[in-house]
Amino acid sequence: MRLFAAVFFVVLAWGLAWGSEAAMAQGYCPFVAFCDAQHYHCYRNCGALTDVVAWPARPPFLQQCSYGCERQLNRCMYRAVRWCR
């Protein structure tokens, strides 16, 4: 039973690695898709938090939050590009 589990795990890992390489060869990178989704959620969170912040502090808060989202996206994309070569 252990041998079957080990072989199954190796075949599964090989299949995932081969499948992701084939997808990346066609121009799709799952890491970039993850960064895009994370960026989208960050902006949604900024929008939701902006509704809670009082008006005089709202524009600077939104600017700071948006800047944080952009920095997060840049860090994520830098790592994703290294993995998607």
C-alpha atoms as a PDB file:
ATOM      1  CA  MET A   1       0.000   0.000   0.000  1.00  0.00           C
ATOM      2  CA  ARG A   2       2.878   2.372   0.748  1.00  0.00           C
ATOM      3  CA  LEU A   3       4.403   1.629  -2.633  1.00  0.00           C
ATOM      4  CA  PHE A   4       1.110   2.440  -4.353  1.00  0.00           C
ATOM      5  CA  ALA A   5       0.836   5.730  -2.431  1.00  0.00           C
ATOM      6  CA  ALA A   6       4.421   6.659  -3.274  1.00  0.00           C
ATOM      7  CA  VAL A   7       3.989   5.854  -6.970  1.00  0.00           C
ATOM      8  CA  PHE A   8       0.688   7.713  -7.074  1.00  0.00           C
ATOM      9  CA  PHE A   9       2.252  10.784  -5.476  1.00  0.00           C
ATOM     10  CA  VAL A  10       5.208  10.767  -7.874  1.00  0.00           C
ATOM     11  CA  VAL A  11       2.943  10.382 -10.917  1.00  0.00           C
ATOM     12  CA  LEU A  12       0.646  13.120  -9.644  1.00  0.00           C
ATOM     13  CA  ALA A  13       3.546  15.495  -8.993  1.00  0.00           C
ATOM     14  CA  TRP A  14       5.018  14.760 -12.419  1.00  0.00           C
ATOM     15  CA  GLY A  15       1.647  15.343 -14.082  1.00  0.00           C
ATOM     16  CA  LEU A  16       1.147  18.665 -12.295  1.00  0.00           C
ATOM     17  CA  ALA A  17       4.645  19.832 -13.156  1.00  0.00           C
ATOM     18  CA  TRP A  18       4.304  18.801 -16.788  1.00  0.00           C
ATOM     19  CA  GLY A  19       0.838  20.314 -17.060  1.00  0.00           C
ATOM     20  CA  SER A  20       1.921  23.639 -15.585  1.00  0.00           C
ATOM     21  CA  GLU A  21       4.952  23.779 -17.899  1.00  0.00           C
ATOM     22  CA  ALA A  22       2.734  23.084 -20.892  1.00  0.00           C
ATOM     23  CA  ALA A  23       0.325  25.819 -19.783  1.00  0.00           C
ATOM     24  CA  MET A  24       3.180  28.282 -19.295  1.00  0.00           C
ATOM     25  CA  ALA A  25       4.535  27.404 -22.745  1.00  0.00           C
ATOM     26  CA  GLN A  26       1.186  28.519 -24.163  1.00  0.00           C
ATOM     27  CA  GLY A  27       1.458  31.884 -22.405  1.00  0.00           C
ATOM     28  CA  TYR A  28      -0.626  31.174 -19.305  1.00  0.00           C
ATOM     29  CA  CYS A  29       1.035  31.479 -15.934  1.00  0.00           C
ATOM     30  CA  PRO A  30      -1.013  30.560 -12.854  1.00  0.00           C
ATOM     31  CA  PHE A  31       1.181  32.758 -10.669  1.00  0.00           C
ATOM     32  CA  VAL A  32       0.285  35.861 -12.690  1.00  0.00           C
ATOM     33  CA  ALA A  33      -3.396  34.946 -12.436  1.00  0.00           C
ATOM     34  CA  PHE A  34      -2.981  34.681  -8.662  1.00  0.00           C
ATOM     35  CA  CYS A  35      -1.356  38.133  -8.550  1.00  0.00           C
ATOM     36  CA  ASP A  36      -4.194  39.620 -10.578  1.00  0.00           C
ATOM     37  CA  ALA A  37      -6.819  38.101  -8.282  1.00  0.00           C
ATOM     38  CA  GLN A  38      -4.950  39.296  -5.205  1.00  0.00           C
ATOM     39  CA  HIS A  39      -4.727  42.808  -6.682  1.00  0.00           C
ATOM     40  CA  TYR A  40      -8.457  42.835  -7.407  1.00  0.00           C
ATOM     41  CA  HIS A  41      -9.304  41.790  -3.847  1.00  0.00           C
ATOM     42  CA  CYS A  42      -6.969  44.412  -2.418  1.00  0.00           C
ATOM     43  CA  TYR A  43      -8.809  47.173  -4.291  1.00  0.00           C
ATOM     44  CA  ARG A  44     -12.159  45.774  -3.190  1.00  0.00           C
ATOM     45  CA  ASN A  45     -10.976  45.847   0.419  1.00  0.00           C
ATOM     46  CA  CYS A  46      -9.813  49.452  -0.024  1.00  0.00           C
ATOM     47  CA  GLY A  47     -13.226  50.386  -1.336  1.00  0.00           C
ATOM     48  CA  ALA A  48     -15.003  48.677   1.539  1.00  0.00           C
ATOM     49  CA  LEU A  49     -12.748  50.287   4.132  1.00  0.00           C
ATOM     50  CA  THR A  50     -13.182  53.702   2.541  1.00  0.00           C
ATOM     51  CA  ASP A  51     -16.890  53.573   3.401  1.00  0.00           C
ATOM     52  CA  VAL A  52     -15.959  53.343   7.090  1.00  0.00           C
ATOM     53  CA  VAL A  53     -13.400  56.172   7.145  1.00  0.00           C
ATOM     54  CA  ALA A  54     -14.757  59.660   7.889  1.00  0.00           C
ATOM     55  CA  TRP A  55     -14.759  62.125   4.993  1.00  0.00           C
ATOM     56  CA  PRO A  56     -11.815  64.439   5.793  1.00  0.00           C
ATOM     57  CA  ALA A  57      -9.472  61.454   6.063  1.00  0.00           C
ATOM     58  CA  ARG A  58     -11.005  59.496   3.176  1.00  0.00           C
ATOM     59  CA  PRO A  59      -8.928  60.754   0.179  1.00  0.00           C
ATOM     60  CA  PRO A  60      -5.524  60.290   1.890  1.00  0.00           C
ATOM     61  CA  PHE A  61      -6.596  56.874   3.179  1.00  0.00           C
ATOM     62  CA  LEU A  62      -7.720  55.769  -0.276  1.00  0.00           C
ATOM     63  CA  GLN A  63      -4.471  56.995  -1.799  1.00  0.00           C
ATOM     64  CA  GLN A  64      -2.384  55.150   0.812  1.00  0.00           C
ATOM     65  CA  CYS A  65      -4.446  51.975   0.455  1.00  0.00           C
ATOM     66  CA  SER A  66      -4.196  52.054  -3.356  1.00  0.00           C
ATOM     67  CA  TYR A  67      -0.448  52.587  -3.120  1.00  0.00           C
ATOM     68  CA  GLY A  68      -0.237  49.513  -0.866  1.00  0.00           C
ATOM     69  CA  CYS A  69      -2.142  47.469  -3.432  1.00  0.00           C
ATOM     70  CA  GLU A  70       0.223  48.553  -6.192  1.00  0.00           C
ATOM     71  CA  ARG A  71       3.294  47.687  -4.108  1.00  0.00           C
ATOM     72  CA  GLN A  72       1.806  44.290  -3.314  1.00  0.00           C
ATOM     73  CA  LEU A  73       1.123  43.670  -7.009  1.00  0.00           C
ATOM     74  CA  ASN A  74       4.664  44.675  -7.981  1.00  0.00           C
ATOM     75  CA  ARG A  75       6.191  42.300  -5.423  1.00  0.00           C
ATOM     76  CA  CYS A  76       3.915  39.472  -6.508  1.00  0.00           C
ATOM     77  CA  MET A  77       4.583  40.003 -10.214  1.00  0.00           C
ATOM     78  CA  TYR A  78       8.336  40.157  -9.649  1.00  0.00           C
ATOM     79  CA  ARG A  79       8.169  36.698  -8.071  1.00  0.00           C
ATOM     80  CA  ALA A  80       5.697  35.384 -10.646  1.00  0.00           C
ATOM     81  CA  VAL A  81       7.868  36.391 -13.596  1.00  0.00           C
ATOM     82  CA  ARG A  82      10.783  34.456 -12.131  1.00  0.00           C
ATOM     83  CA  TRP A  83       8.610  31.333 -11.818  1.00  0.00           C
ATOM     84  CA  CYS A  84       7.006  31.656 -15.254  1.00  0.00           C
ATOM     85  CA  ARG A  85      10.126  31.696 -17.394  1.00  0.00           C
END
